[in-house]
Amino acid sequence: ASSGRSVGGSVGDWILRRMKQKLNAELANGRLAMMAIIGMFFQDGLTGSAWGDWSLYTDSPLRQAAEVSVAASVTGS
C-alpha cells in the first residue's frame, strides 16, 4: 500500500530542511560579523585604534607563543 508520498518528496523535504539549516547558519554568521564590526567601531572611538597596539601587550600568552614560534623558526629548532 502506498502512503501517497513519493520517495522524491521525502528527498525534497530533506533538501528544504538542509537549505533552511544552512540559511540560518549564514544569518547567524552575518549577525556575529556585524557585532564584531560594531565592537571595532566602539574600540576605535574609545582608544583611537580599532586594531590595538601589539607592543603594549607584552604579558599576553599569545604574544609569548608567537615569539617562541618565531625564535624556533629562525634558529631551525
N, C-alpha and C. Protein backbone atom coordinates (compact mmCIF):
# COMPACT_ATOMS: atom_id res chain seq x y z
N ALA A 1 0.84 -1.18 0.00
CA ALA A 1 0.00 0.00 0.00
C ALA A 1 0.88 1.24 0.00
N SER A 2 0.53 2.15 -0.85
CA SER A 2 1.30 3.38 -0.96
C SER A 2 0.79 4.40 0.03
N SER A 3 1.70 5.12 0.62
CA SER A 3 1.32 6.14 1.58
C SER A 3 0.91 7.44 0.89
N GLY A 4 1.01 7.48 -0.42
CA GLY A 4 0.66 8.69 -1.14
C GLY A 4 1.81 9.69 -1.21
N ARG A 5 2.94 9.31 -0.68
CA ARG A 5 4.10 10.18 -0.68
C ARG A 5 5.20 9.52 -1.48
N SER A 6 5.71 10.22 -2.44
CA SER A 6 6.75 9.64 -3.27
C SER A 6 8.10 9.76 -2.57
N VAL A 7 9.02 8.94 -3.02
CA VAL A 7 10.38 8.98 -2.47
C VAL A 7 11.00 10.34 -2.74
N GLY A 8 10.73 10.89 -3.91
CA GLY A 8 11.26 12.21 -4.24
C GLY A 8 10.79 13.28 -3.28
N GLY A 9 9.58 13.13 -2.78
CA GLY A 9 9.05 14.11 -1.83
C GLY A 9 9.85 14.13 -0.54
N SER A 10 10.23 12.97 -0.05
CA SER A 10 10.99 12.94 1.19
C SER A 10 12.40 13.48 0.96
N VAL A 11 12.96 13.22 -0.20
CA VAL A 11 14.27 13.79 -0.52
C VAL A 11 14.14 15.30 -0.66
N GLY A 12 13.07 15.74 -1.30
CA GLY A 12 12.82 17.18 -1.44
C GLY A 12 12.66 17.85 -0.10
N ASP A 13 11.95 17.19 0.82
CA ASP A 13 11.79 17.74 2.17
C ASP A 13 13.13 17.82 2.88
N TRP A 14 13.95 16.80 2.70
CA TRP A 14 15.28 16.81 3.32
C TRP A 14 16.11 17.96 2.78
N ILE A 15 16.04 18.18 1.47
CA ILE A 15 16.80 19.27 0.84
C ILE A 15 16.33 20.61 1.37
N LEU A 16 15.02 20.79 1.49
CA LEU A 16 14.50 22.06 2.02
C LEU A 16 14.93 22.28 3.47
N ARG A 17 14.91 21.22 4.28
CA ARG A 17 15.36 21.35 5.68
C ARG A 17 16.84 21.72 5.73
N ARG A 18 17.62 21.09 4.86
CA ARG A 18 19.07 21.35 4.83
C ARG A 18 19.34 22.79 4.36
N MET A 19 18.60 23.26 3.37
CA MET A 19 18.77 24.63 2.90
C MET A 19 18.40 25.63 3.99
N LYS A 20 17.33 25.34 4.72
CA LYS A 20 16.91 26.23 5.81
C LYS A 20 17.97 26.25 6.91
N GLN A 21 18.55 25.09 7.21
CA GLN A 21 19.59 25.00 8.21
C GLN A 21 20.82 25.82 7.79
N LYS A 22 21.21 25.72 6.53
CA LYS A 22 22.36 26.48 6.02
C LYS A 22 22.07 27.98 6.02
N LEU A 23 20.85 28.36 5.67
CA LEU A 23 20.48 29.77 5.68
C LEU A 23 20.54 30.32 7.09
N ASN A 24 20.02 29.57 8.06
CA ASN A 24 20.07 30.01 9.46
C ASN A 24 21.51 30.15 9.95
N ALA A 25 22.38 29.24 9.55
CA ALA A 25 23.80 29.33 9.93
C ALA A 25 24.43 30.57 9.31
N GLU A 26 24.10 30.85 8.06
CA GLU A 26 24.65 32.03 7.38
C GLU A 26 24.16 33.31 8.03
N LEU A 27 22.89 33.35 8.42
CA LEU A 27 22.36 34.53 9.11
C LEU A 27 23.06 34.73 10.46
N ALA A 28 23.29 33.64 11.19
CA ALA A 28 23.97 33.74 12.47
C ALA A 28 25.40 34.25 12.29
N ASN A 29 26.09 33.78 11.25
CA ASN A 29 27.45 34.26 10.98
C ASN A 29 27.44 35.74 10.62
N GLY A 30 26.46 36.17 9.86
CA GLY A 30 26.34 37.58 9.49
C GLY A 30 26.10 38.45 10.71
N ARG A 31 25.25 37.98 11.61
CA ARG A 31 24.99 38.73 12.85
C ARG A 31 26.25 38.83 13.70
N LEU A 32 27.00 37.75 13.78
CA LEU A 32 28.24 37.76 14.54
C LEU A 32 29.24 38.74 13.92
N ALA A 33 29.33 38.76 12.60
CA ALA A 33 30.24 39.69 11.92
C ALA A 33 29.82 41.14 12.18
N MET A 34 28.52 41.40 12.17
CA MET A 34 28.05 42.76 12.45
C MET A 34 28.42 43.19 13.87
N MET A 35 28.28 42.28 14.83
CA MET A 35 28.64 42.61 16.21
C MET A 35 30.14 42.86 16.33
N ALA A 36 30.95 42.11 15.60
CA ALA A 36 32.40 42.31 15.63
C ALA A 36 32.76 43.68 15.08
N ILE A 37 32.14 44.07 13.99
CA ILE A 37 32.41 45.39 13.40
C ILE A 37 31.97 46.49 14.35
N ILE A 38 30.81 46.34 14.97
CA ILE A 38 30.34 47.34 15.92
C ILE A 38 31.33 47.45 17.08
N GLY A 39 31.85 46.32 17.55
CA GLY A 39 32.85 46.33 18.61
C GLY A 39 34.11 47.06 18.19
N MET A 40 34.52 46.87 16.93
CA MET A 40 35.71 47.57 16.42
C MET A 40 35.46 49.08 16.34
N PHE A 41 34.26 49.48 15.91
CA PHE A 41 33.93 50.91 15.88
C PHE A 41 33.98 51.49 17.29
N PHE A 42 33.42 50.77 18.25
CA PHE A 42 33.39 51.22 19.64
C PHE A 42 34.81 51.35 20.17
N GLN A 43 35.64 50.34 19.92
CA GLN A 43 37.03 50.38 20.39
C GLN A 43 37.78 51.54 19.73
N ASP A 44 37.55 51.76 18.45
CA ASP A 44 38.21 52.86 17.75
C ASP A 44 37.79 54.19 18.35
N GLY A 45 36.51 54.32 18.69
CA GLY A 45 36.03 55.56 19.30
C GLY A 45 36.64 55.80 20.66
N LEU A 46 36.85 54.74 21.42
CA LEU A 46 37.42 54.89 22.77
C LEU A 46 38.93 55.07 22.76
N THR A 47 39.61 54.32 21.93
CA THR A 47 41.08 54.28 22.00
C THR A 47 41.76 54.95 20.82
N GLY A 48 41.04 55.21 19.76
CA GLY A 48 41.65 55.78 18.57
C GLY A 48 42.22 54.73 17.63
N SER A 49 42.13 53.46 18.01
CA SER A 49 42.63 52.39 17.15
C SER A 49 41.73 51.17 17.28
N ALA A 50 41.24 50.70 16.14
CA ALA A 50 40.38 49.51 16.15
C ALA A 50 41.21 48.24 16.28
N TRP A 51 42.51 48.31 16.00
CA TRP A 51 43.34 47.12 15.97
C TRP A 51 44.16 46.94 17.23
N GLY A 52 44.34 47.99 18.00
CA GLY A 52 45.17 47.89 19.19
C GLY A 52 46.65 47.98 18.82
N ASP A 53 47.47 48.12 19.81
CA ASP A 53 48.91 48.22 19.60
C ASP A 53 49.56 46.98 20.20
N TRP A 54 50.06 46.11 19.36
CA TRP A 54 50.61 44.83 19.80
C TRP A 54 51.76 45.02 20.79
N SER A 55 52.50 46.10 20.66
CA SER A 55 53.65 46.32 21.54
C SER A 55 53.24 46.60 22.99
N LEU A 56 51.97 46.96 23.21
CA LEU A 56 51.51 47.22 24.58
C LEU A 56 51.16 45.94 25.33
N TYR A 57 50.98 44.84 24.65
CA TYR A 57 50.53 43.59 25.27
C TYR A 57 51.71 42.65 25.49
N THR A 58 52.67 43.07 26.30
CA THR A 58 53.88 42.27 26.50
C THR A 58 53.63 41.03 27.34
N ASP A 59 52.59 41.04 28.18
CA ASP A 59 52.31 39.89 29.05
C ASP A 59 51.34 38.89 28.44
N SER A 60 50.93 39.12 27.21
CA SER A 60 49.96 38.25 26.57
C SER A 60 50.56 36.87 26.28
N PRO A 61 49.88 35.80 26.69
CA PRO A 61 50.37 34.46 26.38
C PRO A 61 50.42 34.20 24.87
N LEU A 62 49.54 34.87 24.11
CA LEU A 62 49.57 34.70 22.66
C LEU A 62 50.85 35.31 22.09
N ARG A 63 51.25 36.45 22.62
CA ARG A 63 52.48 37.09 22.14
C ARG A 63 53.68 36.21 22.48
N GLN A 64 53.71 35.66 23.69
CA GLN A 64 54.83 34.81 24.09
C GLN A 64 54.91 33.58 23.19
N ALA A 65 53.77 32.99 22.86
CA ALA A 65 53.76 31.81 21.98
C ALA A 65 54.25 32.19 20.59
N ALA A 66 53.86 33.38 20.11
CA ALA A 66 54.29 33.82 18.78
C ALA A 66 55.79 34.06 18.77
N GLU A 67 56.33 34.64 19.83
CA GLU A 67 57.77 34.91 19.89
C GLU A 67 58.56 33.61 19.94
N VAL A 68 58.07 32.62 20.69
CA VAL A 68 58.74 31.33 20.76
C VAL A 68 58.71 30.67 19.38
N SER A 69 57.57 30.76 18.69
CA SER A 69 57.44 30.16 17.37
C SER A 69 58.40 30.82 16.37
N VAL A 70 58.50 32.14 16.42
CA VAL A 70 59.40 32.86 15.51
C VAL A 70 60.85 32.50 15.83
N ALA A 71 61.19 32.46 17.13
CA ALA A 71 62.56 32.13 17.52
C ALA A 71 62.93 30.72 17.07
N ALA A 72 61.99 29.79 17.19
CA ALA A 72 62.24 28.42 16.78
C ALA A 72 62.45 28.32 15.27
N SER A 73 61.69 29.10 14.51
CA SER A 73 61.82 29.04 13.06
C SER A 73 63.14 29.71 12.59
N VAL A 74 63.59 30.71 13.35
CA VAL A 74 64.85 31.38 12.99
C VAL A 74 66.05 30.50 13.30
N THR A 75 66.01 29.84 14.46
CA THR A 75 67.15 29.01 14.86
C THR A 75 67.10 27.62 14.21
N GLY A 76 65.95 27.27 13.65
CA GLY A 76 65.82 25.97 12.98
C GLY A 76 65.53 24.84 13.95
N SER A 77 65.14 25.15 15.17
CA SER A 77 64.84 24.11 16.17
C SER A 77 63.48 23.53 15.95
